[in-house]
Amino acid sequence: MRGRKLRTGLACACLGLMMAGGASGQTSDFGGLPAGPGQLETFGNCTACHSTMIITQQNFSRRTWDEVLTWMVEDQGMWEMPSETRQIVLDYLVTHFGPES
């Protein structure tokens, strides 16, 4: 439980820095994630545990991305995103890292 609270706190701190323009006043490149709706939510929820490289190497279907998110929550200790945020992240992942992308 302590680890989950720590990761949540780190994710919030990271999002706060990005929204404020970063620690040095520079804008963030979001780890190479393409610009678009859901970029911030995806970056904030995913990079608290791993780099964007693991995301950008995938081309999963919506169903598989959904299963991966469920697996991360149930087996890897990721926090459960509110359903609206999860849908935004899923839409972003399928748009940029789906089989058609």
PDB file of N, CA and C in Angstrom:
ATOM      1  N   MET A   1       0.824  -1.192   0.000  1.00  0.00           N
ATOM      2  CA  MET A   1       0.000   0.000   0.000  1.00  0.00           C
ATOM      3  C   MET A   1       0.865   1.251   0.000  1.00  0.00           C
ATOM      4  N   ARG A   2       1.942   1.233   0.769  1.00  0.00           N
ATOM      5  CA  ARG A   2       2.831   2.388   0.830  1.00  0.00           C
ATOM      6  C   ARG A   2       3.418   2.700  -0.538  1.00  0.00           C
ATOM      7  N   GLY A   3       3.792   1.658  -1.301  1.00  0.00           N
ATOM      8  CA  GLY A   3       4.345   1.846  -2.638  1.00  0.00           C
ATOM      9  C   GLY A   3       3.348   2.502  -3.576  1.00  0.00           C
ATOM     10  N   ARG A   4       2.090   2.098  -3.463  1.00  0.00           N
ATOM     11  CA  ARG A   4       1.048   2.674  -4.315  1.00  0.00           C
ATOM     12  C   ARG A   4       0.866   4.157  -4.019  1.00  0.00           C
ATOM     13  N   LYS A   5       0.870   4.517  -2.728  1.00  0.00           N
ATOM     14  CA  LYS A   5       0.736   5.929  -2.355  1.00  0.00           C
ATOM     15  C   LYS A   5       1.934   6.724  -2.851  1.00  0.00           C
ATOM     16  N   LEU A   6       3.121   6.133  -2.768  1.00  0.00           N
ATOM     17  CA  LEU A   6       4.325   6.810  -3.233  1.00  0.00           C
ATOM     18  C   LEU A   6       4.252   7.037  -4.735  1.00  0.00           C
ATOM     19  N   ARG A   7       3.850   6.014  -5.502  1.00  0.00           N
ATOM     20  CA  ARG A   7       3.746   6.166  -6.958  1.00  0.00           C
ATOM     21  C   ARG A   7       2.701   7.205  -7.322  1.00  0.00           C
ATOM     22  N   THR A   8       1.575   7.209  -6.608  1.00  0.00           N
ATOM     23  CA  THR A   8       0.544   8.199  -6.869  1.00  0.00           C
ATOM     24  C   THR A   8       1.076   9.596  -6.608  1.00  0.00           C
ATOM     25  N   GLY A   9       1.803   9.756  -5.513  1.00  0.00           N
ATOM     26  CA  GLY A   9       2.396  11.059  -5.192  1.00  0.00           C
ATOM     27  C   GLY A   9       3.408  11.498  -6.229  1.00  0.00           C
ATOM     28  N   LEU A  10       4.232  10.563  -6.682  1.00  0.00           N
ATOM     29  CA  LEU A  10       5.217  10.885  -7.715  1.00  0.00           C
ATOM     30  C   LEU A  10       4.547  11.285  -9.020  1.00  0.00           C
ATOM     31  N   ALA A  11       3.490  10.574  -9.387  1.00  0.00           N
ATOM     32  CA  ALA A  11       2.771  10.905 -10.614  1.00  0.00           C
ATOM     33  C   ALA A  11       2.158  12.302 -10.519  1.00  0.00           C
ATOM     34  N   CYS A  12       1.582  12.627  -9.371  1.00  0.00           N
ATOM     35  CA  CYS A  12       0.991  13.954  -9.187  1.00  0.00           C
ATOM     36  C   CYS A  12       2.058  15.039  -9.250  1.00  0.00           C
ATOM     37  N   ALA A  13       3.206  14.788  -8.635  1.00  0.00           N
ATOM     38  CA  ALA A  13       4.297  15.766  -8.667  1.00  0.00           C
ATOM     39  C   ALA A  13       4.789  15.969 -10.087  1.00  0.00           C
ATOM     40  N   CYS A  14       4.913  14.880 -10.829  1.00  0.00           N
ATOM     41  CA  CYS A  14       5.359  14.944 -12.215  1.00  0.00           C
ATOM     42  C   CYS A  14       4.368  15.745 -13.052  1.00  0.00           C
ATOM     43  N   LEU A  15       3.086  15.456 -12.895  1.00  0.00           N
ATOM     44  CA  LEU A  15       2.066  16.191 -13.642  1.00  0.00           C
ATOM     45  C   LEU A  15       2.092  17.673 -13.288  1.00  0.00           C
ATOM     46  N   GLY A  16       2.278  17.972 -12.018  1.00  0.00           N
ATOM     47  CA  GLY A  16       2.345  19.366 -11.597  1.00  0.00           C
ATOM     48  C   GLY A  16       3.504  20.100 -12.240  1.00  0.00           C
ATOM     49  N   LEU A  17       4.681  19.461 -12.293  1.00  0.00           N
ATOM     50  CA  LEU A  17       5.831  20.077 -12.935  1.00  0.00           C
ATOM     51  C   LEU A  17       5.604  20.292 -14.421  1.00  0.00           C
ATOM     52  N   MET A  18       4.996  19.308 -15.072  1.00  0.00           N
ATOM     53  CA  MET A  18       4.754  19.437 -16.501  1.00  0.00           C
ATOM     54  C   MET A  18       3.762  20.553 -16.787  1.00  0.00           C
ATOM     55  N   MET A  19       2.720  20.635 -15.993  1.00  0.00           N
ATOM     56  CA  MET A  19       1.711  21.662 -16.214  1.00  0.00           C
ATOM     57  C   MET A  19       2.283  23.045 -15.936  1.00  0.00           C
ATOM     58  N   ALA A  20       3.277  23.118 -15.053  1.00  0.00           N
ATOM     59  CA  ALA A  20       3.910  24.394 -14.743  1.00  0.00           C
ATOM     60  C   ALA A  20       5.058  24.706 -15.697  1.00  0.00           C
ATOM     61  N   GLY A  21       5.314  23.832 -16.653  1.00  0.00           N
ATOM     62  CA  GLY A  21       6.381  24.078 -17.608  1.00  0.00           C
ATOM     63  C   GLY A  21       7.681  23.402 -17.238  1.00  0.00           C
ATOM     64  N   GLY A  22       7.673  22.486 -16.283  1.00  0.00           N
ATOM     65  CA  GLY A  22       8.884  21.767 -15.903  1.00  0.00           C
ATOM     66  C   GLY A  22       9.674  22.515 -14.861  1.00  0.00           C
ATOM     67  N   ALA A  23      10.628  21.824 -14.284  1.00  0.00           N
ATOM     68  CA  ALA A  23      11.415  22.402 -13.199  1.00  0.00           C
ATOM     69  C   ALA A  23      12.237  23.585 -13.672  1.00  0.00           C
ATOM     70  N   SER A  24      12.663  23.587 -14.944  1.00  0.00           N
ATOM     71  CA  SER A  24      13.512  24.666 -15.435  1.00  0.00           C
ATOM     72  C   SER A  24      12.740  25.696 -16.241  1.00  0.00           C
ATOM     73  N   GLY A  25      11.402  25.579 -16.263  1.00  0.00           N
ATOM     74  CA  GLY A  25      10.609  26.514 -17.037  1.00  0.00           C
ATOM     75  C   GLY A  25      10.458  26.091 -18.494  1.00  0.00           C
ATOM     76  N   GLN A  26      11.092  24.986 -18.881  1.00  0.00           N
ATOM     77  CA  GLN A  26      10.989  24.480 -20.244  1.00  0.00           C
ATOM     78  C   GLN A  26       9.731  23.622 -20.358  1.00  0.00           C
ATOM     79  N   THR A  27       9.211  23.517 -21.568  1.00  0.00           N
ATOM     80  CA  THR A  27       8.087  22.610 -21.765  1.00  0.00           C
ATOM     81  C   THR A  27       8.613  21.203 -21.927  1.00  0.00           C
ATOM     82  N   SER A  28       7.833  20.229 -21.519  1.00  0.00           N
ATOM     83  CA  SER A  28       8.232  18.829 -21.585  1.00  0.00           C
ATOM     84  C   SER A  28       7.932  18.264 -22.960  1.00  0.00           C
ATOM     85  N   ASP A  29       8.728  17.283 -23.377  1.00  0.00           N
ATOM     86  CA  ASP A  29       8.444  16.612 -24.639  1.00  0.00           C
ATOM     87  C   ASP A  29       7.625  15.353 -24.414  1.00  0.00           C
ATOM     88  N   PHE A  30       7.200  15.086 -23.191  1.00  0.00           N
ATOM     89  CA  PHE A  30       6.379  13.930 -22.843  1.00  0.00           C
ATOM     90  C   PHE A  30       7.031  12.625 -23.254  1.00  0.00           C
ATOM     91  N   GLY A  31       8.342  12.560 -23.155  1.00  0.00           N
ATOM     92  CA  GLY A  31       9.059  11.324 -23.413  1.00  0.00           C
ATOM     93  C   GLY A  31       8.906  10.798 -24.821  1.00  0.00           C
ATOM     94  N   GLY A  32       8.615  11.673 -25.757  1.00  0.00           N
ATOM     95  CA  GLY A  32       8.454  11.253 -27.142  1.00  0.00           C
ATOM     96  C   GLY A  32       7.055  10.794 -27.493  1.00  0.00           C
ATOM     97  N   LEU A  33       6.105  10.892 -26.559  1.00  0.00           N
ATOM     98  CA  LEU A  33       4.726  10.529 -26.889  1.00  0.00           C
ATOM     99  C   LEU A  33       4.156  11.579 -27.845  1.00  0.00           C
ATOM    100  N   PRO A  34       3.460  11.152 -28.890  1.00  0.00           N
ATOM    101  CA  PRO A  34       2.893  12.102 -29.845  1.00  0.00           C
ATOM    102  C   PRO A  34       1.885  13.044 -29.188  1.00  0.00           C
ATOM    103  N   ALA A  35       1.826  14.264 -29.677  1.00  0.00           N
ATOM    104  CA  ALA A  35       0.863  15.238 -29.178  1.00  0.00           C
ATOM    105  C   ALA A  35      -0.545  14.789 -29.536  1.00  0.00           C
ATOM    106  N   GLY A  36      -1.474  15.146 -28.701  1.00  0.00           N
ATOM    107  CA  GLY A  36      -2.869  14.840 -28.976  1.00  0.00           C
ATOM    108  C   GLY A  36      -3.640  14.653 -27.687  1.00  0.00           C
ATOM    109  N   PRO A  37      -4.967  14.596 -27.817  1.00  0.00           N
ATOM    110  CA  PRO A  37      -5.798  14.380 -26.633  1.00  0.00           C
ATOM    111  C   PRO A  37      -5.395  13.094 -25.921  1.00  0.00           C
ATOM    112  N   GLY A  38      -5.162  13.201 -24.623  1.00  0.00           N
ATOM    113  CA  GLY A  38      -4.781  12.052 -23.814  1.00  0.00           C
ATOM    114  C   GLY A  38      -3.289  11.927 -23.571  1.00  0.00           C
ATOM    115  N   GLN A  39      -2.489  12.778 -24.209  1.00  0.00           N
ATOM    116  CA  GLN A  39      -1.037  12.701 -24.028  1.00  0.00           C
ATOM    117  C   GLN A  39      -0.652  12.910 -22.562  1.00  0.00           C
ATOM    118  N   LEU A  40      -1.179  13.923 -21.933  1.00  0.00           N
ATOM    119  CA  LEU A  40      -0.851  14.232 -20.540  1.00  0.00           C
ATOM    120  C   LEU A  40      -1.291  13.106 -19.605  1.00  0.00           C
ATOM    121  N   GLU A  41      -2.507  12.612 -19.794  1.00  0.00           N
ATOM    122  CA  GLU A  41      -3.025  11.544 -18.935  1.00  0.00           C
ATOM    123  C   GLU A  41      -2.210  10.258 -19.104  1.00  0.00           C
ATOM    124  N   THR A  42      -1.851   9.952 -20.342  1.00  0.00           N
ATOM    125  CA  THR A  42      -1.067   8.752 -20.604  1.00  0.00           C
ATOM    126  C   THR A  42       0.316   8.882 -19.997  1.00  0.00           C
ATOM    127  N   PHE A  43       0.970  10.007 -20.218  1.00  0.00           N
ATOM    128  CA  PHE A  43       2.298  10.233 -19.670  1.00  0.00           C
ATOM    129  C   PHE A  43       2.274  10.150 -18.145  1.00  0.00           C
ATOM    130  N   GLY A  44       1.331  10.837 -17.531  1.00  0.00           N
ATOM    131  CA  GLY A  44       1.268  10.882 -16.076  1.00  0.00           C
ATOM    132  C   GLY A  44       0.964   9.543 -15.427  1.00  0.00           C
ATOM    133  N   ASN A  45       0.101   8.757 -16.046  1.00  0.00           N
ATOM    134  CA  ASN A  45      -0.279   7.474 -15.457  1.00  0.00           C
ATOM    135  C   ASN A  45       0.704   6.362 -15.770  1.00  0.00           C
ATOM    136  N   CYS A  46       1.370   6.437 -16.898  1.00  0.00           N
ATOM    137  CA  CYS A  46       2.235   5.328 -17.315  1.00  0.00           C
ATOM    138  C   CYS A  46       3.694   5.495 -16.875  1.00  0.00           C
ATOM    139  N   THR A  47       4.192   6.706 -16.906  1.00  0.00           N
ATOM    140  CA  THR A  47       5.619   6.887 -16.632  1.00  0.00           C
ATOM    141  C   THR A  47       5.956   6.936 -15.148  1.00  0.00           C
ATOM    142  N   ALA A  48       4.962   6.846 -14.289  1.00  0.00           N
ATOM    143  CA  ALA A  48       5.270   6.735 -12.865  1.00  0.00           C
ATOM    144  C   ALA A  48       5.938   5.390 -12.575  1.00  0.00           C
ATOM    145  N   CYS A  49       5.732   4.416 -13.485  1.00  0.00           N
ATOM    146  CA  CYS A  49       6.295   3.074 -13.282  1.00  0.00           C
ATOM    147  C   CYS A  49       7.298   2.654 -14.355  1.00  0.00           C
ATOM    148  N   HIS A  50       7.184   3.173 -15.559  1.00  0.00           N
ATOM    149  CA  HIS A  50       8.100   2.761 -16.631  1.00  0.00           C
ATOM    150  C   HIS A  50       8.259   3.883 -17.653  1.00  0.00           C
ATOM    151  N   SER A  51       9.245   3.743 -18.501  1.00  0.00           N
ATOM    152  CA  SER A  51       9.519   4.765 -19.510  1.00  0.00           C
ATOM    153  C   SER A  51       8.490   4.705 -20.633  1.00  0.00           C
ATOM    154  N   THR A  52       8.476   5.735 -21.444  1.00  0.00           N
ATOM    155  CA  THR A  52       7.574   5.753 -22.594  1.00  0.00           C
ATOM    156  C   THR A  52       8.031   4.781 -23.677  1.00  0.00           C
ATOM    157  N   MET A  53       9.277   4.334 -23.622  1.00  0.00           N
ATOM    158  CA  MET A  53       9.789   3.432 -24.646  1.00  0.00           C
ATOM    159  C   MET A  53       8.947   2.159 -24.743  1.00  0.00           C
ATOM    160  N   ILE A  54       8.524   1.632 -23.614  1.00  0.00           N
ATOM    161  CA  ILE A  54       7.730   0.398 -23.634  1.00  0.00           C
ATOM    162  C   ILE A  54       6.368   0.642 -24.294  1.00  0.00           C
ATOM    163  N   ILE A  55       5.859   1.849 -24.197  1.00  0.00           N
ATOM    164  CA  ILE A  55       4.577   2.191 -24.822  1.00  0.00           C
ATOM    165  C   ILE A  55       4.766   2.331 -26.333  1.00  0.00           C
ATOM    166  N   THR A  56       5.784   3.073 -26.717  1.00  0.00           N
ATOM    167  CA  THR A  56       5.968   3.405 -28.130  1.00  0.00           C
ATOM    168  C   THR A  56       6.361   2.208 -28.989  1.00  0.00           C
ATOM    169  N   GLN A  57       6.761   1.106 -28.379  1.00  0.00           N
ATOM    170  CA  GLN A  57       7.146  -0.089 -29.123  1.00  0.00           C
ATOM    171  C   GLN A  57       5.968  -1.016 -29.397  1.00  0.00           C
ATOM    172  N   GLN A  58       4.774  -0.666 -28.928  1.00  0.00           N
ATOM    173  CA  GLN A  58       3.620  -1.555 -29.042  1.00  0.00           C
ATOM    174  C   GLN A  58       2.690  -1.129 -30.178  1.00  0.00           C
ATOM    175  N   ASN A  59       1.910  -2.060 -30.636  1.00  0.00           N
ATOM    176  CA  ASN A  59       0.834  -1.816 -31.602  1.00  0.00           C
ATOM    177  C   ASN A  59      -0.326  -2.736 -31.245  1.00  0.00           C
ATOM    178  N   PHE A  60      -0.912  -2.485 -30.070  1.00  0.00           N
ATOM    179  CA  PHE A  60      -1.968  -3.340 -29.539  1.00  0.00           C
ATOM    180  C   PHE A  60      -3.347  -2.864 -29.985  1.00  0.00           C
ATOM    181  N   SER A  61      -4.272  -3.797 -30.030  1.00  0.00           N
ATOM    182  CA  SER A  61      -5.679  -3.469 -30.246  1.00  0.00           C
ATOM    183  C   SER A  61      -6.229  -2.821 -28.976  1.00  0.00           C
ATOM    184  N   ARG A  62      -7.404  -2.228 -29.090  1.00  0.00           N
ATOM    185  CA  ARG A  62      -8.046  -1.627 -27.923  1.00  0.00           C
ATOM    186  C   ARG A  62      -8.255  -2.691 -26.835  1.00  0.00           C
ATOM    187  N   ARG A  63      -8.701  -3.857 -27.243  1.00  0.00           N
ATOM    188  CA  ARG A  63      -8.940  -4.934 -26.279  1.00  0.00           C
ATOM    189  C   ARG A  63      -7.649  -5.304 -25.545  1.00  0.00           C
ATOM    190  N   THR A  64      -6.550  -5.418 -26.276  1.00  0.00           N
ATOM    191  CA  THR A  64      -5.286  -5.780 -25.642  1.00  0.00           C
ATOM    192  C   THR A  64      -4.786  -4.664 -24.731  1.00  0.00           C
ATOM    193  N   TRP A  65      -4.879  -3.404 -25.177  1.00  0.00           N
ATOM    194  CA  TRP A  65      -4.479  -2.296 -24.293  1.00  0.00           C
ATOM    195  C   TRP A  65      -5.311  -2.322 -23.013  1.00  0.00           C
ATOM    196  N   ASP A  66      -6.611  -2.575 -23.143  1.00  0.00           N
ATOM    197  CA  ASP A  66      -7.488  -2.637 -21.975  1.00  0.00           C
ATOM    198  C   ASP A  66      -7.052  -3.762 -21.037  1.00  0.00           C
ATOM    199  N   GLU A  67      -6.717  -4.921 -21.605  1.00  0.00           N
ATOM    200  CA  GLU A  67      -6.239  -6.042 -20.797  1.00  0.00           C
ATOM    201  C   GLU A  67      -4.908  -5.720 -20.126  1.00  0.00           C
ATOM    202  N   VAL A  68      -4.037  -5.018 -20.817  1.00  0.00           N
ATOM    203  CA  VAL A  68      -2.746  -4.627 -20.237  1.00  0.00           C
ATOM    204  C   VAL A  68      -2.969  -3.696 -19.045  1.00  0.00           C
ATOM    205  N   LEU A  69      -3.865  -2.718 -19.194  1.00  0.00           N
ATOM    206  CA  LEU A  69      -4.154  -1.812 -18.074  1.00  0.00           C
ATOM    207  C   LEU A  69      -4.734  -2.576 -16.891  1.00  0.00           C
ATOM    208  N   THR A  70      -5.628  -3.513 -17.151  1.00  0.00           N
ATOM    209  CA  THR A  70      -6.201  -4.332 -16.069  1.00  0.00           C
ATOM    210  C   THR A  70      -5.111  -5.143 -15.383  1.00  0.00           C
ATOM    211  N   TRP A  71      -4.241  -5.760 -16.165  1.00  0.00           N
ATOM    212  CA  TRP A  71      -3.123  -6.541 -15.617  1.00  0.00           C
ATOM    213  C   TRP A  71      -2.225  -5.666 -14.743  1.00  0.00           C
ATOM    214  N   MET A  72      -1.946  -4.440 -15.199  1.00  0.00           N
ATOM    215  CA  MET A  72      -1.073  -3.556 -14.409  1.00  0.00           C
ATOM    216  C   MET A  72      -1.713  -3.208 -13.069  1.00  0.00           C
ATOM    217  N   VAL A  73      -3.020  -2.995 -13.052  1.00  0.00           N
ATOM    218  CA  VAL A  73      -3.714  -2.688 -11.796  1.00  0.00           C
ATOM    219  C   VAL A  73      -3.757  -3.923 -10.894  1.00  0.00           C
ATOM    220  N   GLU A  74      -4.181  -5.060 -11.454  1.00  0.00           N
ATOM    221  CA  GLU A  74      -4.396  -6.253 -10.639  1.00  0.00           C
ATOM    222  C   GLU A  74      -3.111  -6.951 -10.205  1.00  0.00           C
ATOM    223  N   ASP A  75      -2.099  -6.945 -11.063  1.00  0.00           N
ATOM    224  CA  ASP A  75      -0.891  -7.725 -10.769  1.00  0.00           C
ATOM    225  C   ASP A  75       0.368  -6.897 -10.526  1.00  0.00           C
ATOM    226  N   GLN A  76       0.391  -5.669 -10.979  1.00  0.00           N
ATOM    227  CA  GLN A  76       1.614  -4.877 -10.902  1.00  0.00           C
ATOM    228  C   GLN A  76       1.535  -3.705  -9.922  1.00  0.00           C
ATOM    229  N   GLY A  77       0.398  -3.519  -9.282  1.00  0.00           N
ATOM    230  CA  GLY A  77       0.281  -2.492  -8.247  1.00  0.00           C
ATOM    231  C   GLY A  77      -0.006  -1.092  -8.749  1.00  0.00           C
ATOM    232  N   MET A  78      -0.389  -0.970 -10.019  1.00  0.00           N
ATOM    233  CA  MET A  78      -0.755   0.354 -10.534  1.00  0.00           C
ATOM    234  C   MET A  78      -2.080   0.776  -9.904  1.00  0.00           C
ATOM    235  N   TRP A  79      -2.259   2.074  -9.670  1.00  0.00           N
ATOM    236  CA  TRP A  79      -3.519   2.574  -9.136  1.00  0.00           C
ATOM    237  C   TRP A  79      -4.587   2.438 -10.213  1.00  0.00           C
ATOM    238  N   GLU A  80      -5.814   2.353  -9.791  1.00  0.00           N
ATOM    239  CA  GLU A  80      -6.924   2.269 -10.735  1.00  0.00           C
ATOM    240  C   GLU A  80      -7.331   3.680 -11.135  1.00  0.00           C
ATOM    241  N   MET A  81      -7.268   3.948 -12.416  1.00  0.00           N
ATOM    242  CA  MET A  81      -7.644   5.266 -12.923  1.00  0.00           C
ATOM    243  C   MET A  81      -9.162   5.414 -12.879  1.00  0.00           C
ATOM    244  N   PRO A  82      -9.641   6.626 -12.677  1.00  0.00           N
ATOM    245  CA  PRO A  82     -11.084   6.843 -12.835  1.00  0.00           C
ATOM    246  C   PRO A  82     -11.494   6.415 -14.247  1.00  0.00           C
ATOM    247  N   SER A  83     -12.709   5.912 -14.412  1.00  0.00           N
ATOM    248  CA  SER A  83     -13.127   5.351 -15.698  1.00  0.00           C
ATOM    249  C   SER A  83     -13.004   6.359 -16.847  1.00  0.00           C
ATOM    250  N   GLU A  84     -13.286   7.624 -16.603  1.00  0.00           N
ATOM    251  CA  GLU A  84     -13.165   8.644 -17.659  1.00  0.00           C
ATOM    252  C   GLU A  84     -11.703   8.786 -18.103  1.00  0.00           C
ATOM    253  N   THR A  85     -10.792   8.810 -17.145  1.00  0.00           N
ATOM    254  CA  THR A  85      -9.366   8.907 -17.465  1.00  0.00           C
ATOM    255  C   THR A  85      -8.896   7.669 -18.203  1.00  0.00           C
ATOM    256  N   ARG A  86      -9.354   6.507 -17.760  1.00  0.00           N
ATOM    257  CA  ARG A  86      -8.972   5.257 -18.423  1.00  0.00           C
ATOM    258  C   ARG A  86      -9.395   5.266 -19.889  1.00  0.00           C
ATOM    259  N   GLN A  87     -10.595   5.771 -20.172  1.00  0.00           N
ATOM    260  CA  GLN A  87     -11.069   5.832 -21.557  1.00  0.00           C
ATOM    261  C   GLN A  87     -10.233   6.800 -22.387  1.00  0.00           C
ATOM    262  N   ILE A  88      -9.842   7.910 -21.787  1.00  0.00           N
ATOM    263  CA  ILE A  88      -8.981   8.877 -22.476  1.00  0.00           C
ATOM    264  C   ILE A  88      -7.644   8.233 -22.808  1.00  0.00           C
ATOM    265  N   VAL A  89      -7.065   7.528 -21.840  1.00  0.00           N
ATOM    266  CA  VAL A  89      -5.780   6.849 -22.043  1.00  0.00           C
ATOM    267  C   VAL A  89      -5.930   5.759 -23.104  1.00  0.00           C
ATOM    268  N   LEU A  90      -6.975   4.968 -23.024  1.00  0.00           N
ATOM    269  CA  LEU A  90      -7.203   3.919 -24.025  1.00  0.00           C
ATOM    270  C   LEU A  90      -7.345   4.509 -25.427  1.00  0.00           C
ATOM    271  N   ASP A  91      -8.125   5.581 -25.543  1.00  0.00           N
ATOM    272  CA  ASP A  91      -8.294   6.237 -26.849  1.00  0.00           C
ATOM    273  C   ASP A  91      -6.943   6.701 -27.389  1.00  0.00           C
ATOM    274  N   TYR A  92      -6.146   7.299 -26.523  1.00  0.00           N
ATOM    275  CA  TYR A  92      -4.818   7.784 -26.933  1.00  0.00           C
ATOM    276  C   TYR A  92      -3.925   6.625 -27.375  1.00  0.00           C
ATOM    277  N   LEU A  93      -3.885   5.570 -26.577  1.00  0.00           N
ATOM    278  CA  LEU A  93      -3.025   4.426 -26.894  1.00  0.00           C
ATOM    279  C   LEU A  93      -3.412   3.778 -28.216  1.00  0.00           C
ATOM    280  N   VAL A  94      -4.700   3.604 -28.447  1.00  0.00           N
ATOM    281  CA  VAL A  94      -5.150   2.973 -29.693  1.00  0.00           C
ATOM    282  C   VAL A  94      -4.909   3.888 -30.888  1.00  0.00           C
ATOM    283  N   THR A  95      -5.095   5.183 -30.708  1.00  0.00           N
ATOM    284  CA  THR A  95      -4.853   6.126 -31.796  1.00  0.00           C
ATOM    285  C   THR A  95      -3.396   6.144 -32.214  1.00  0.00           C
ATOM    286  N   HIS A  96      -2.490   6.146 -31.241  1.00  0.00           N
ATOM    287  CA  HIS A  96      -1.070   6.308 -31.551  1.00  0.00           C
ATOM    288  C   HIS A  96      -0.271   5.009 -31.544  1.00  0.00           C
ATOM    289  N   PHE A  97      -0.770   3.991 -30.853  1.00  0.00           N
ATOM    290  CA  PHE A  97      -0.023   2.742 -30.710  1.00  0.00           C
ATOM    291  C   PHE A  97      -0.932   1.531 -30.892  1.00  0.00           C
ATOM    292  N   GLY A  98      -1.873   1.666 -31.801  1.00  0.00           N
ATOM    293  CA  GLY A  98      -2.770   0.574 -32.144  1.00  0.00           C
ATOM    294  C   GLY A  98      -2.345  -0.073 -33.441  1.00  0.00           C
ATOM    295  N   PRO A  99      -3.040  -1.120 -33.843  1.00  0.00           N
ATOM    296  CA  PRO A  99      -2.668  -1.848 -35.058  1.00  0.00           C
ATOM    297  C   PRO A  99      -2.761  -1.006 -36.330  1.00  0.00           C
ATOM    298  N   GLU A 100      -3.593   0.027 -36.319  1.00  0.00           N
ATOM    299  CA  GLU A 100      -3.777   0.878 -37.501  1.00  0.00           C
ATOM    300  C   GLU A 100      -2.845   2.091 -37.507  1.00  0.00           C
ATOM    301  N   SER A 101      -2.102   2.274 -36.433  1.00  0.00           N
ATOM    302  CA  SER A 101      -1.277   3.492 -36.326  1.00  0.00           C
ATOM    303  C   SER A 101       0.065   3.333 -36.990  1.00  0.00           C
TER     304      SER A 101
END
